[in-house]
Amino acid sequence: MNSDGLIEQVPQYVLNHHDDGKTEKLSLTVLLPGVASAAELDVRVEPKRVCVRVPGRYKLELPLDVPVDEKPELLRFVKKKNTLKAEFIVLPEASRPAAPPTTRAPSASRGAPEARP
């Protein structure tokens, strides 16, 4: 529910993964009935998430299994079909952000101190 008390629906979408041997891509098609213009859309891309929003009507927060370039290769709204089409390049393994190192606090021994000779 947004600040106006309206419920934003999750639109229908299709997400496909393509690999032609050179470049891995994700293609996203989002159906947005009633949307007349790209100006109504708010699209945000993060390496592991894509958000598509039409304030007051639609909201899609889509987590991705693989990280993508934050600049879409294609981002186009097709008015005749009320459809958003997007293509994202999957980041190669070498350029993917490394997982943050995990650190553990040293465990303190509890109880009586050891007896020393």
Protein backbone atom coordinates (compact mmCIF):
# COMPACT_ATOMS: atom_id res chain seq x y z
CA MET A 1 0.00 0.00 0.00
CA ASN A 2 1.40 3.43 -0.87
CA SER A 3 1.09 6.70 1.05
CA ASP A 4 -2.26 7.47 -0.64
CA GLY A 5 -3.76 4.25 0.73
CA LEU A 6 -3.82 2.62 -2.72
CA ILE A 7 -2.64 -0.94 -3.22
CA GLU A 8 -0.06 -1.23 -5.96
CA GLN A 9 -0.47 -4.49 -7.88
CA VAL A 10 2.38 -6.76 -8.91
CA PRO A 11 2.25 -6.76 -12.73
CA GLN A 12 2.63 -9.88 -14.85
CA TYR A 13 6.16 -10.37 -16.09
CA VAL A 14 8.43 -12.83 -17.85
CA LEU A 15 12.14 -13.13 -17.04
CA ASN A 16 14.38 -15.15 -19.37
CA HIS A 17 18.07 -16.03 -19.11
CA HIS A 18 20.03 -16.21 -22.41
CA ASP A 19 23.60 -17.32 -23.00
CA ASP A 20 24.94 -17.28 -26.55
CA GLY A 21 28.41 -18.41 -25.48
CA LYS A 22 29.79 -14.85 -25.56
CA THR A 23 27.38 -12.82 -23.45
CA GLU A 24 24.94 -13.84 -20.76
CA LYS A 25 21.78 -11.72 -20.64
CA LEU A 26 18.53 -11.46 -18.76
CA SER A 27 15.49 -10.23 -20.66
CA LEU A 28 12.50 -8.88 -18.79
CA THR A 29 9.04 -8.18 -20.18
CA VAL A 30 6.53 -6.49 -17.87
CA LEU A 31 2.86 -6.16 -18.83
CA LEU A 32 1.43 -2.81 -17.68
CA PRO A 33 -2.22 -2.52 -18.80
CA GLY A 34 -3.55 1.03 -18.63
CA VAL A 35 -0.12 2.67 -18.72
CA ALA A 36 0.01 5.09 -21.63
CA SER A 37 3.50 6.53 -21.46
CA ALA A 38 7.06 5.72 -20.36
CA ALA A 39 6.91 8.95 -18.32
CA GLU A 40 4.68 7.10 -15.82
CA LEU A 41 7.38 4.52 -15.10
CA ASP A 42 10.01 4.49 -12.38
CA VAL A 43 12.63 1.84 -13.18
CA ARG A 44 15.58 1.15 -10.90
CA VAL A 45 18.29 -1.42 -11.49
CA GLU A 46 20.70 -2.76 -8.90
CA PRO A 47 23.14 -5.64 -9.45
CA LYS A 48 20.82 -8.19 -7.83
CA ARG A 49 17.40 -6.50 -8.14
CA VAL A 50 15.13 -4.74 -10.62
CA CYS A 51 12.29 -2.49 -9.49
CA VAL A 52 9.54 -1.29 -11.82
CA ARG A 53 6.91 1.04 -10.42
CA VAL A 54 3.97 3.01 -11.71
CA PRO A 55 3.01 5.04 -8.63
CA GLY A 56 -0.47 4.20 -7.40
CA ARG A 57 -0.88 1.28 -9.83
CA TYR A 58 1.96 -1.22 -10.15
CA LYS A 59 5.02 -2.24 -8.19
CA LEU A 60 7.44 -5.05 -9.10
CA GLU A 61 10.48 -5.73 -6.94
CA LEU A 62 12.28 -8.57 -8.63
CA PRO A 63 15.30 -10.21 -6.98
CA LEU A 64 17.79 -11.65 -9.47
CA ASP A 65 19.77 -14.88 -9.14
CA VAL A 66 22.78 -13.39 -10.93
CA PRO A 67 24.23 -9.87 -10.78
CA VAL A 68 23.59 -7.62 -13.78
CA ASP A 69 25.08 -4.39 -15.09
CA GLU A 70 23.12 -1.49 -13.59
CA LYS A 71 22.83 0.15 -17.02
CA PRO A 72 20.31 -1.83 -19.10
CA GLU A 73 21.37 -2.76 -22.61
CA LEU A 74 17.73 -2.16 -23.66
CA LEU A 75 14.94 -0.37 -21.83
CA ARG A 76 11.89 0.42 -23.94
CA PHE A 77 8.19 0.95 -23.31
CA VAL A 78 5.99 -0.33 -26.14
CA LYS A 79 2.83 1.82 -26.08
CA LYS A 80 0.75 -0.39 -28.39
CA LYS A 81 1.24 -3.38 -26.08
CA ASN A 82 1.51 -1.50 -22.76
CA THR A 83 4.71 -3.43 -22.17
CA LEU A 84 8.12 -2.61 -20.76
CA LYS A 85 10.98 -4.53 -22.36
CA ALA A 86 14.42 -4.61 -20.80
CA GLU A 87 17.67 -6.49 -21.36
CA PHE A 88 20.50 -6.67 -18.88
CA ILE A 89 24.01 -8.02 -19.30
CA VAL A 90 24.95 -10.53 -16.62
CA LEU A 91 28.24 -9.59 -15.01
CA PRO A 92 31.05 -12.06 -15.72
CA GLU A 93 32.37 -14.04 -12.76
CA ALA A 94 35.62 -12.02 -12.65
CA SER A 95 33.84 -8.67 -12.30
CA ARG A 96 31.16 -9.76 -9.85
CA PRO A 97 31.43 -8.10 -6.48
CA ALA A 98 33.12 -10.38 -3.98
CA ALA A 99 31.13 -11.49 -1.00
CA PRO A 100 32.11 -9.52 2.07
CA PRO A 101 34.51 -11.44 4.28
CA THR A 102 32.93 -13.02 7.29
CA THR A 103 34.56 -12.31 10.58
CA ARG A 104 33.95 -13.96 13.88
CA ALA A 105 34.62 -12.44 17.22
CA PRO A 106 37.13 -14.46 19.23
CA SER A 107 35.36 -16.59 21.76
CA ALA A 108 36.19 -15.74 25.32
CA SER A 109 36.61 -18.63 27.67
CA ARG A 110 34.25 -18.53 30.56
CA GLY A 111 34.65 -20.03 33.95
CA ALA A 112 37.62 -20.37 36.23
CA PRO A 113 41.06 -19.45 34.88
CA GLU A 114 43.43 -22.30 34.15
CA ALA A 115 45.80 -23.26 36.92
CA ARG A 116 49.42 -22.60 36.02
CA PRO A 117 52.41 -24.30 37.66
